[in-house]
C-alpha atoms as a PDB file:
ATOM      1  CA  UNK A   1       0.000   0.001  -0.008  1.00  0.00           C
ATOM      2  CA  UNK A   2       2.827   2.400   0.865  1.00  0.00           C
ATOM      3  CA  UNK A   3       4.664   1.544  -2.327  1.00  0.00           C
ATOM      4  CA  UNK A   4       1.544   2.169  -4.386  1.00  0.00           C
ATOM      5  CA  UNK A   5       1.079   5.581  -2.781  1.00  0.00           C
ATOM      6  CA  UNK A   6       4.711   6.598  -3.366  1.00  0.00           C
ATOM      7  CA  UNK A   7       4.521   5.506  -6.990  1.00  0.00           C
ATOM      8  CA  UNK A   8       1.285   7.441  -7.557  1.00  0.00           C
ATOM      9  CA  UNK A   9       2.688  10.609  -6.035  1.00  0.00           C
ATOM     10  CA  UNK A  10       5.862  10.276  -8.064  1.00  0.00           C
ATOM     11  CA  UNK A  11       3.906   9.683 -11.279  1.00  0.00           C
ATOM     12  CA  UNK A  12       1.877  12.831 -10.644  1.00  0.00           C
ATOM     13  CA  UNK A  13       5.110  14.761 -10.159  1.00  0.00           C
ATOM     14  CA  UNK A  14       6.833  13.505 -13.300  1.00  0.00           C
ATOM     15  CA  UNK A  15       3.870  13.419 -15.709  1.00  0.00           C
ATOM     16  CA  UNK A  16       3.841  17.176 -16.366  1.00  0.00           C
ATOM     17  CA  UNK A  17       7.521  17.026 -17.329  1.00  0.00           C
ATOM     18  CA  UNK A  18       6.867  14.150 -19.718  1.00  0.00           C
ATOM     19  CA  UNK A  19       3.896  15.947 -21.206  1.00  0.00           C
ATOM     20  CA  UNK A  20       5.842  19.120 -21.842  1.00  0.00           C
ATOM     21  CA  UNK A  21       8.675  17.133 -23.365  1.00  0.00           C
ATOM     22  CA  UNK A  22       6.249  15.576 -25.840  1.00  0.00           C
ATOM     23  CA  UNK A  23       5.430  19.048 -27.231  1.00  0.00           C
ATOM     24  CA  UNK A  24       8.816  19.404 -28.905  1.00  0.00           C
ATOM     25  CA  UNK A  25       8.564  20.722 -32.438  1.00  0.00           C
ATOM     26  CA  UNK A  26       9.998  18.595 -35.257  1.00  0.00           C
ATOM     27  CA  UNK A  27      12.680  21.206 -36.050  1.00  0.00           C
ATOM     28  CA  UNK A  28      13.838  21.289 -32.431  1.00  0.00           C
ATOM     29  CA  UNK A  29      15.719  18.734 -30.397  1.00  0.00           C
ATOM     30  CA  UNK A  30      15.751  17.805 -26.751  1.00  0.00           C
ATOM     31  CA  UNK A  31      18.275  18.104 -23.988  1.00  0.00           C
ATOM     32  CA  UNK A  32      16.613  15.902 -21.407  1.00  0.00           C
ATOM     33  CA  UNK A  33      13.135  17.360 -21.010  1.00  0.00           C
ATOM     34  CA  UNK A  34      14.206  20.790 -22.273  1.00  0.00           C
ATOM     35  CA  UNK A  35      13.575  22.065 -25.773  1.00  0.00           C
ATOM     36  CA  UNK A  36      16.778  23.454 -27.294  1.00  0.00           C
ATOM     37  CA  UNK A  37      18.001  24.486 -30.721  1.00  0.00           C
ATOM     38  CA  UNK A  38      19.888  21.796 -32.589  1.00  0.00           C
ATOM     39  CA  UNK A  39      23.096  23.829 -32.628  1.00  0.00           C
ATOM     40  CA  UNK A  40      23.003  24.090 -28.834  1.00  0.00           C
ATOM     41  CA  UNK A  41      22.672  20.421 -27.967  1.00  0.00           C
ATOM     42  CA  UNK A  42      26.164  19.185 -28.817  1.00  0.00           C
ATOM     43  CA  UNK A  43      27.727  21.962 -26.738  1.00  0.00           C
ATOM     44  CA  UNK A  44      25.436  21.221 -23.790  1.00  0.00           C
ATOM     45  CA  UNK A  45      26.117  17.476 -23.967  1.00  0.00           C
ATOM     46  CA  UNK A  46      29.834  18.217 -24.230  1.00  0.00           C
ATOM     47  CA  UNK A  47      29.683  20.228 -21.038  1.00  0.00           C
ATOM     48  CA  UNK A  48      27.927  17.385 -19.265  1.00  0.00           C
ATOM     49  CA  UNK A  49      30.544  14.811 -20.185  1.00  0.00           C
ATOM     50  CA  UNK A  50      33.429  17.165 -19.453  1.00  0.00           C
ATOM     51  CA  UNK A  51      32.044  17.479 -15.939  1.00  0.00           C
ATOM     52  CA  UNK A  52      31.345  13.793 -15.352  1.00  0.00           C
ATOM     53  CA  UNK A  53      34.490  12.356 -16.984  1.00  0.00           C
ATOM     54  CA  UNK A  54      36.596  12.045 -13.832  1.00  0.00           C
ATOM     55  CA  UNK A  55      33.826  10.208 -11.930  1.00  0.00           C
ATOM     56  CA  UNK A  56      32.340   8.364 -14.913  1.00  0.00           C
ATOM     57  CA  UNK A  57      33.397   4.821 -13.973  1.00  0.00           C
ATOM     58  CA  UNK A  58      32.558   5.211 -10.280  1.00  0.00           C
ATOM     59  CA  UNK A  59      29.106   6.606 -10.990  1.00  0.00           C
ATOM     60  CA  UNK A  60      28.365   3.855 -13.550  1.00  0.00           C
ATOM     61  CA  UNK A  61      29.198   1.268 -10.914  1.00  0.00           C
ATOM     62  CA  UNK A  62      27.045   2.959  -8.286  1.00  0.00           C
ATOM     63  CA  UNK A  63      24.054   3.645 -10.555  1.00  0.00           C
ATOM     64  CA  UNK A  64      23.907   0.145 -12.035  1.00  0.00           C
ATOM     65  CA  UNK A  65      25.278  -1.801  -9.024  1.00  0.00           C
ATOM     66  CA  UNK A  66      28.053  -2.923 -11.364  1.00  0.00           C
ATOM     67  CA  UNK A  67      25.664  -4.375 -13.943  1.00  0.00           C
ATOM     68  CA  UNK A  68      27.007  -2.162 -16.713  1.00  0.00           C
ATOM     69  CA  UNK A  69      30.133  -4.335 -16.730  1.00  0.00           C
ATOM     70  CA  UNK A  70      28.104  -7.452 -17.441  1.00  0.00           C
ATOM     71  CA  UNK A  71      26.087  -5.594 -20.075  1.00  0.00           C
ATOM     72  CA  UNK A  72      29.282  -4.574 -21.901  1.00  0.00           C
ATOM     73  CA  UNK A  73      30.549  -8.151 -21.680  1.00  0.00           C
ATOM     74  CA  UNK A  74      27.323  -9.238 -23.363  1.00  0.00           C
ATOM     75  CA  UNK A  75      27.728  -6.581 -26.055  1.00  0.00           C
ATOM     76  CA  UNK A  76      31.229  -7.814 -26.937  1.00  0.00           C
ATOM     77  CA  UNK A  77      30.157 -11.481 -26.896  1.00  0.00           C
ATOM     78  CA  UNK A  78      27.446 -10.619 -29.470  1.00  0.00           C
ATOM     79  CA  UNK A  79      30.065  -8.801 -31.572  1.00  0.00           C
ATOM     80  CA  UNK A  80      32.165 -11.969 -31.796  1.00  0.00           C
ATOM     81  CA  UNK A  81      35.588 -10.256 -32.236  1.00  0.00           C
ATOM     82  CA  UNK A  82      38.262 -11.965 -34.301  1.00  0.00           C
ATOM     83  CA  UNK A  83      42.000 -11.495 -34.838  1.00  0.00           C
ATOM     84  CA  UNK A  84      42.829  -9.048 -37.572  1.00  0.00           C
ATOM     85  CA  UNK A  85      39.506  -7.211 -37.410  1.00  0.00           C
ATOM     86  CA  UNK A  86      39.162  -3.476 -37.952  1.00  0.00           C
ATOM     87  CA  UNK A  87      36.712  -2.164 -35.406  1.00  0.00           C
ATOM     88  CA  UNK A  88      35.270   1.248 -34.548  1.00  0.00           C
ATOM     89  CA  UNK A  89      33.976   1.957 -31.052  1.00  0.00           C
ATOM     90  CA  UNK A  90      32.093   5.267 -31.042  1.00  0.00           C
ATOM     91  CA  UNK A  91      31.413   7.319 -27.900  1.00  0.00           C
ATOM     92  CA  UNK A  92      33.842   4.920 -26.229  1.00  0.00           C
ATOM     93  CA  UNK A  93      36.281   7.390 -24.737  1.00  0.00           C
ATOM     94  CA  UNK A  94      36.825   5.565 -21.427  1.00  0.00           C
ATOM     95  CA  UNK A  95      37.921   2.441 -23.319  1.00  0.00           C
ATOM     96  CA  UNK A  96      35.510   0.078 -21.559  1.00  0.00           C
ATOM     97  CA  UNK A  97      34.338  -1.641 -24.739  1.00  0.00           C
ATOM     98  CA  UNK A  98      37.648  -1.372 -26.618  1.00  0.00           C
ATOM     99  CA  UNK A  99      39.572  -3.066 -23.796  1.00  0.00           C
ATOM    100  CA  UNK A 100      37.046  -5.907 -23.777  1.00  0.00           C
ATOM    101  CA  UNK A 101      37.349  -6.398 -27.525  1.00  0.00           C
ATOM    102  CA  UNK A 102      41.135  -6.409 -27.365  1.00  0.00           C
ATOM    103  CA  UNK A 103      41.096  -8.952 -24.532  1.00  0.00           C
ATOM    104  CA  UNK A 104      38.661 -11.154 -26.474  1.00  0.00           C
ATOM    105  CA  UNK A 105      40.936 -11.081 -29.539  1.00  0.00           C
ATOM    106  CA  UNK A 106      44.022 -11.787 -27.404  1.00  0.00           C
ATOM    107  CA  UNK A 107      42.223 -14.704 -25.752  1.00  0.00           C
ATOM    108  CA  UNK A 108      41.405 -16.207 -29.134  1.00  0.00           C
ATOM    109  CA  UNK A 109      45.048 -15.935 -30.222  1.00  0.00           C
ATOM    110  CA  UNK A 110      46.317 -17.495 -27.014  1.00  0.00           C
ATOM    111  CA  UNK A 111      44.007 -20.440 -27.450  1.00  0.00           C
ATOM    112  CA  UNK A 112      45.039 -20.821 -31.061  1.00  0.00           C
ATOM    113  CA  UNK A 113      48.785 -20.494 -30.574  1.00  0.00           C
ATOM    114  CA  UNK A 114      49.089 -21.969 -27.043  1.00  0.00           C
ATOM    115  CA  UNK A 115      51.749 -19.344 -26.401  1.00  0.00           C
ATOM    116  CA  UNK A 116      51.970 -15.606 -25.570  1.00  0.00           C
ATOM    117  CA  UNK A 117      50.561 -13.308 -28.214  1.00  0.00           C
ATOM    118  CA  UNK A 118      53.152 -12.235 -30.767  1.00  0.00           C
ATOM    119  CA  UNK A 119      53.418  -8.454 -31.107  1.00  0.00           C
ATOM    120  CA  UNK A 120      53.474  -8.614 -34.902  1.00  0.00           C
ATOM    121  CA  UNK A 121      50.278 -10.619 -34.996  1.00  0.00           C
ATOM    122  CA  UNK A 122      48.652  -8.348 -32.449  1.00  0.00           C
ATOM    123  CA  UNK A 123      49.213  -5.326 -34.687  1.00  0.00           C
ATOM    124  CA  UNK A 124      46.944  -6.828 -37.353  1.00  0.00           C
ATOM    125  CA  UNK A 125      43.943  -6.056 -35.185  1.00  0.00           C
ATOM    126  CA  UNK A 126      42.973  -2.381 -35.163  1.00  0.00           C
ATOM    127  CA  UNK A 127      40.493  -0.912 -32.681  1.00  0.00           C
ATOM    128  CA  UNK A 128      39.632   2.754 -33.095  1.00  0.00           C
ATOM    129  CA  UNK A 129      38.182   4.460 -30.020  1.00  0.00           C
ATOM    130  CA  UNK A 130      36.268   7.513 -31.218  1.00  0.00           C
ATOM    131  CA  UNK A 131      34.769  10.123 -28.900  1.00  0.00           C
ATOM    132  CA  UNK A 132      33.803  13.747 -29.418  1.00  0.00           C
ATOM    133  CA  UNK A 133      34.877  14.687 -25.892  1.00  0.00           C
ATOM    134  CA  UNK A 134      38.632  15.016 -25.202  1.00  0.00           C
ATOM    135  CA  UNK A 135      38.121  14.652 -21.456  1.00  0.00           C
ATOM    136  CA  UNK A 136      36.526  11.239 -21.909  1.00  0.00           C
ATOM    137  CA  UNK A 137      39.371  10.204 -24.252  1.00  0.00           C
ATOM    138  CA  UNK A 138      41.887  11.292 -21.635  1.00  0.00           C
ATOM    139  CA  UNK A 139      40.200   8.996 -19.110  1.00  0.00           C
ATOM    140  CA  UNK A 140      40.523   6.114 -21.566  1.00  0.00           C
ATOM    141  CA  UNK A 141      44.168   6.820 -22.323  1.00  0.00           C
ATOM    142  CA  UNK A 142      44.943   6.948 -18.605  1.00  0.00           C
ATOM    143  CA  UNK A 143      43.224   3.606 -18.114  1.00  0.00           C
ATOM    144  CA  UNK A 144      45.200   2.164 -21.022  1.00  0.00           C
ATOM    145  CA  UNK A 145      48.430   3.232 -19.278  1.00  0.00           C
ATOM    146  CA  UNK A 146      47.261   1.582 -16.059  1.00  0.00           C
ATOM    147  CA  UNK A 147      46.566  -1.636 -17.992  1.00  0.00           C
ATOM    148  CA  UNK A 148      49.963  -1.598 -19.681  1.00  0.00           C
ATOM    149  CA  UNK A 149      48.419  -0.858 -23.069  1.00  0.00           C
ATOM    150  CA  UNK A 150      49.846   2.602 -23.666  1.00  0.00           C
ATOM    151  CA  UNK A 151      52.143   1.376 -26.422  1.00  0.00           C
ATOM    152  CA  UNK A 152      49.704  -1.135 -27.905  1.00  0.00           C
ATOM    153  CA  UNK A 153      49.435  -0.262 -31.590  1.00  0.00           C
ATOM    154  CA  UNK A 154      46.109  -2.109 -31.825  1.00  0.00           C
ATOM    155  CA  UNK A 155      44.465   0.812 -30.003  1.00  0.00           C
ATOM    156  CA  UNK A 156      43.986   4.172 -31.709  1.00  0.00           C
ATOM    157  CA  UNK A 157      42.325   7.091 -29.925  1.00  0.00           C
ATOM    158  CA  UNK A 158      40.460   9.522 -32.179  1.00  0.00           C
ATOM    159  CA  UNK A 159      38.511  12.636 -31.342  1.00  0.00           C
ATOM    160  CA  UNK A 160      35.565  12.699 -33.704  1.00  0.00           C
ATOM    161  CA  UNK A 161      31.867  13.274 -34.230  1.00  0.00           C
ATOM    162  CA  UNK A 162      29.577  10.240 -34.560  1.00  0.00           C
ATOM    163  CA  UNK A 163      27.469  12.206 -37.051  1.00  0.00           C
ATOM    164  CA  UNK A 164      30.438  12.930 -39.353  1.00  0.00           C
ATOM    165  CA  UNK A 165      33.106  10.239 -39.018  1.00  0.00           C
ATOM    166  CA  UNK A 166      36.562  10.680 -40.547  1.00  0.00           C
ATOM    167  CA  UNK A 167      36.869   6.994 -41.524  1.00  0.00           C
ATOM    168  CA  UNK A 168      36.580   5.724 -45.087  1.00  0.00           C
ATOM    169  CA  UNK A 169      33.656   3.927 -46.687  1.00  0.00           C
ATOM    170  CA  UNK A 170      33.522   0.156 -46.166  1.00  0.00           C
ATOM    171  CA  UNK A 171      36.549   0.222 -43.845  1.00  0.00           C
ATOM    172  CA  UNK A 172      35.345  -1.474 -40.661  1.00  0.00           C
ATOM    173  CA  UNK A 173      34.419  -5.061 -39.735  1.00  0.00           C
ATOM    174  CA  UNK A 174      32.509  -3.919 -36.658  1.00  0.00           C
ATOM    175  CA  UNK A 175      30.941  -0.851 -35.078  1.00  0.00           C
ATOM    176  CA  UNK A 176      29.841  -0.442 -31.463  1.00  0.00           C
ATOM    177  CA  UNK A 177      28.356   2.446 -29.554  1.00  0.00           C
ATOM    178  CA  UNK A 178      27.679   1.974 -25.848  1.00  0.00           C
ATOM    179  CA  UNK A 179      25.432   4.374 -23.921  1.00  0.00           C
ATOM    180  CA  UNK A 180      26.201   7.199 -26.338  1.00  0.00           C
ATOM    181  CA  UNK A 181      23.640   7.379 -29.115  1.00  0.00           C
ATOM    182  CA  UNK A 182      20.903   9.008 -27.002  1.00  0.00           C
ATOM    183  CA  UNK A 183      23.234  12.020 -26.547  1.00  0.00           C
ATOM    184  CA  UNK A 184      23.597  12.853 -30.241  1.00  0.00           C
ATOM    185  CA  UNK A 185      21.570  15.504 -32.029  1.00  0.00           C
ATOM    186  CA  UNK A 186      20.585  13.396 -35.082  1.00  0.00           C
ATOM    187  CA  UNK A 187      20.299   9.646 -34.485  1.00  0.00           C
ATOM    188  CA  UNK A 188      19.618   9.077 -38.202  1.00  0.00           C
ATOM    189  CA  UNK A 189      22.960  10.638 -39.135  1.00  0.00           C
ATOM    190  CA  UNK A 190      24.815   8.430 -36.656  1.00  0.00           C
ATOM    191  CA  UNK A 191      23.187   5.304 -38.090  1.00  0.00           C
ATOM    192  CA  UNK A 192      23.915   6.436 -41.663  1.00  0.00           C
ATOM    193  CA  UNK A 193      27.562   6.967 -40.784  1.00  0.00           C
ATOM    194  CA  UNK A 194      27.743   3.568 -39.090  1.00  0.00           C
ATOM    195  CA  UNK A 195      26.344   1.946 -42.224  1.00  0.00           C
ATOM    196  CA  UNK A 196      28.758   3.866 -44.466  1.00  0.00           C
ATOM    197  CA  UNK A 197      31.972   2.896 -42.663  1.00  0.00           C
ATOM    198  CA  UNK A 198      31.076  -0.779 -42.252  1.00  0.00           C
ATOM    199  CA  UNK A 199      32.181  -3.384 -44.792  1.00  0.00           C
ATOM    200  CA  UNK A 200      29.690  -5.762 -46.311  1.00  0.00           C
ATOM    201  CA  UNK A 201      29.040  -8.308 -43.607  1.00  0.00           C
ATOM    202  CA  UNK A 202      30.085  -5.800 -40.940  1.00  0.00           C
ATOM    203  CA  UNK A 203      28.125  -5.784 -37.680  1.00  0.00           C
ATOM    204  CA  UNK A 204      26.507  -2.840 -35.914  1.00  0.00           C
ATOM    205  CA  UNK A 205      25.868  -3.125 -32.164  1.00  0.00           C
ATOM    206  CA  UNK A 206      24.440  -0.499 -29.856  1.00  0.00           C
ATOM    207  CA  UNK A 207      23.721  -0.806 -26.160  1.00  0.00           C
ATOM    208  CA  UNK A 208      21.627   1.938 -24.642  1.00  0.00           C
ATOM    209  CA  UNK A 209      19.603   2.592 -21.530  1.00  0.00           C
ATOM    210  CA  UNK A 210      16.068   1.974 -22.711  1.00  0.00           C
ATOM    211  CA  UNK A 211      12.434   1.609 -21.717  1.00  0.00           C
ATOM    212  CA  UNK A 212      11.147  -0.744 -19.024  1.00  0.00           C
ATOM    213  CA  UNK A 213       7.859  -2.355 -20.060  1.00  0.00           C
ATOM    214  CA  UNK A 214       6.782  -4.241 -16.899  1.00  0.00           C
ATOM    215  CA  UNK A 215       4.387  -1.797 -15.124  1.00  0.00           C
ATOM    216  CA  UNK A 216       5.370  -2.369 -11.477  1.00  0.00           C
ATOM    217  CA  UNK A 217       9.067  -2.542 -12.305  1.00  0.00           C
ATOM    218  CA  UNK A 218       8.717   0.602 -14.421  1.00  0.00           C
ATOM    219  CA  UNK A 219       7.360   2.592 -11.474  1.00  0.00           C
ATOM    220  CA  UNK A 220      10.161   1.392  -9.241  1.00  0.00           C
ATOM    221  CA  UNK A 221      12.719   2.193 -11.931  1.00  0.00           C
ATOM    222  CA  UNK A 222      11.236   5.670 -12.472  1.00  0.00           C
ATOM    223  CA  UNK A 223      11.326   6.358  -8.745  1.00  0.00           C
ATOM    224  CA  UNK A 224      14.960   5.215  -8.529  1.00  0.00           C
ATOM    225  CA  UNK A 225      15.940   7.228 -11.633  1.00  0.00           C
ATOM    226  CA  UNK A 226      14.459  10.559 -10.612  1.00  0.00           C
ATOM    227  CA  UNK A 227      14.694  10.371  -6.832  1.00  0.00           C
ATOM    228  CA  UNK A 228      17.988   8.539  -6.285  1.00  0.00           C
ATOM    229  CA  UNK A 229      20.347   9.077  -9.233  1.00  0.00           C
ATOM    230  CA  UNK A 230      20.463  12.948  -9.274  1.00  0.00           C
ATOM    231  CA  UNK A 231      21.065  13.169  -5.475  1.00  0.00           C
ATOM    232  CA  UNK A 232      23.711  10.440  -5.830  1.00  0.00           C
ATOM    233  CA  UNK A 233      25.406  12.500  -8.537  1.00  0.00           C
ATOM    234  CA  UNK A 234      25.360  15.498  -6.213  1.00  0.00           C
ATOM    235  CA  UNK A 235      26.783  13.477  -3.292  1.00  0.00           C
ATOM    236  CA  UNK A 236      29.552  11.646  -5.193  1.00  0.00           C
ATOM    237  CA  UNK A 237      30.402  13.998  -8.044  1.00  0.00           C
ATOM    238  CA  UNK A 238      29.043  17.315  -6.764  1.00  0.00           C
ATOM    239  CA  UNK A 239      26.982  17.443  -9.950  1.00  0.00           C
ATOM    240  CA  UNK A 240      23.224  16.978  -9.717  1.00  0.00           C
ATOM    241  CA  UNK A 241      22.333  18.624 -13.049  1.00  0.00           C
ATOM    242  CA  UNK A 242      24.330  16.247 -15.253  1.00  0.00           C
ATOM    243  CA  UNK A 243      22.677  13.203 -13.711  1.00  0.00           C
ATOM    244  CA  UNK A 244      19.249  14.845 -13.952  1.00  0.00           C
ATOM    245  CA  UNK A 245      19.955  15.168 -17.673  1.00  0.00           C
ATOM    246  CA  UNK A 246      21.006  11.510 -17.766  1.00  0.00           C
ATOM    247  CA  UNK A 247      17.687  10.165 -16.502  1.00  0.00           C
ATOM    248  CA  UNK A 248      15.673  12.586 -18.604  1.00  0.00           C
ATOM    249  CA  UNK A 249      17.599  11.714 -21.768  1.00  0.00           C
ATOM    250  CA  UNK A 250      16.725   8.046 -21.298  1.00  0.00           C
ATOM    251  CA  UNK A 251      13.013   8.874 -21.345  1.00  0.00           C
ATOM    252  CA  UNK A 252      13.445  10.912 -24.542  1.00  0.00           C
ATOM    253  CA  UNK A 253      15.215   8.048 -26.361  1.00  0.00           C
ATOM    254  CA  UNK A 254      13.005   6.052 -28.795  1.00  0.00           C
ATOM    255  CA  UNK A 255      11.437   2.836 -27.503  1.00  0.00           C
ATOM    256  CA  UNK A 256      13.051  -0.430 -28.542  1.00  0.00           C
ATOM    257  CA  UNK A 257      10.779  -1.171 -31.518  1.00  0.00           C
ATOM    258  CA  UNK A 258      11.049   2.374 -32.865  1.00  0.00           C
ATOM    259  CA  UNK A 259      14.838   2.382 -32.591  1.00  0.00           C
ATOM    260  CA  UNK A 260      15.006  -1.013 -34.317  1.00  0.00           C
ATOM    261  CA  UNK A 261      12.951   0.405 -37.202  1.00  0.00           C
ATOM    262  CA  UNK A 262      15.385   3.360 -37.439  1.00  0.00           C
ATOM    263  CA  UNK A 263      18.314   0.917 -37.721  1.00  0.00           C
ATOM    264  CA  UNK A 264      16.487  -0.955 -40.478  1.00  0.00           C
ATOM    265  CA  UNK A 265      15.692   2.340 -42.264  1.00  0.00           C
ATOM    266  CA  UNK A 266      19.449   3.081 -42.308  1.00  0.00           C
ATOM    267  CA  UNK A 267      19.912  -0.025 -44.470  1.00  0.00           C
ATOM    268  CA  UNK A 268      20.851  -2.694 -41.939  1.00  0.00           C
ATOM    269  CA  UNK A 269      19.478  -6.238 -42.242  1.00  0.00           C
ATOM    270  CA  UNK A 270      18.850  -8.891 -39.563  1.00  0.00           C
ATOM    271  CA  UNK A 271      17.943  -6.154 -37.085  1.00  0.00           C
ATOM    272  CA  UNK A 272      17.124  -7.393 -33.608  1.00  0.00           C
ATOM    273  CA  UNK A 273      17.335  -6.352 -30.002  1.00  0.00           C
ATOM    274  CA  UNK A 274      17.773  -7.968 -26.604  1.00  0.00           C
ATOM    275  CA  UNK A 275      16.384  -6.401 -23.427  1.00  0.00           C
ATOM    276  CA  UNK A 276      18.515  -6.562 -20.319  1.00  0.00           C
ATOM    277  CA  UNK A 277      16.961  -6.392 -16.826  1.00  0.00           C
ATOM    278  CA  UNK A 278      13.485  -5.941 -18.249  1.00  0.00           C
ATOM    279  CA  UNK A 279      14.502  -3.159 -20.611  1.00  0.00           C
ATOM    280  CA  UNK A 280      16.661  -1.050 -18.312  1.00  0.00           C
ATOM    281  CA  UNK A 281      19.209  -1.482 -21.102  1.00  0.00           C
ATOM    282  CA  UNK A 282      18.854  -2.953 -24.555  1.00  0.00           C
ATOM    283  CA  UNK A 283      21.333  -4.250 -27.146  1.00  0.00           C
ATOM    284  CA  UNK A 284      20.377  -3.557 -30.754  1.00  0.00           C
ATOM    285  CA  UNK A 285      22.201  -5.156 -33.641  1.00  0.00           C
ATOM    286  CA  UNK A 286      22.180  -5.245 -37.405  1.00  0.00           C
ATOM    287  CA  UNK A 287      24.311  -6.379 -40.347  1.00  0.00           C
ATOM    288  CA  UNK A 288      25.353  -4.522 -43.492  1.00  0.00           C
ATOM    289  CA  UNK A 289      24.694  -6.908 -46.374  1.00  0.00           C
END
């Protein structure tokens, strides 16, 4: 009874924000629940990630109770990395996904050779970590040093825009974007660029915080998102506003079926998605044929 009352009060509090967010004009874009001009969004998102970069890993662990690590493991397992692949990880500045891919490739080589990985063979694999925010890239480079990967030529760090990539057509075997696509201004441009840079047979994978569909769980998740995460951001990172944007941006992201249709519209085949923890996160995938 108490839970039902809390949920009802919370729903009444949040509903006006959701309603106002739904009034966005087609020529505008959203920054959380706020209506902003398209040219403003990238700067505002950049400011958010510049502020959260130093506490990014800690806050991810706290907000997801460490589950984001298992979700990224699942993403990489669905990618099925292989030695010699050329891979692009977008919005991956902290290196979380890239390190997992590199470890997966190294593990395959060790099993195949039954001996330590040869440096010459390792160089055949190329993983490009692309992020628009230099502060996030600096976090990833620091983590690479801590892991002894600073001189690993398989890793290349690139500052770049997901909507206008600097990579050539048909140049990549794989493309991943983890918890980054909801922050872009034009999702369609990001998907078009992903399709362009992938080779025929190349795989697109995106993991994103998504929409919970189970009613009771959804109310609990909404309460946690709006009543716990922003105060936690204030307590740990002295930054409530960035984490308020985080939870609002999730609600503005297209539902799973809609996003899947956008991936198909970009030209990808075999489009599917897998919900994690009832839709708290979802992994979408597609193939360029």
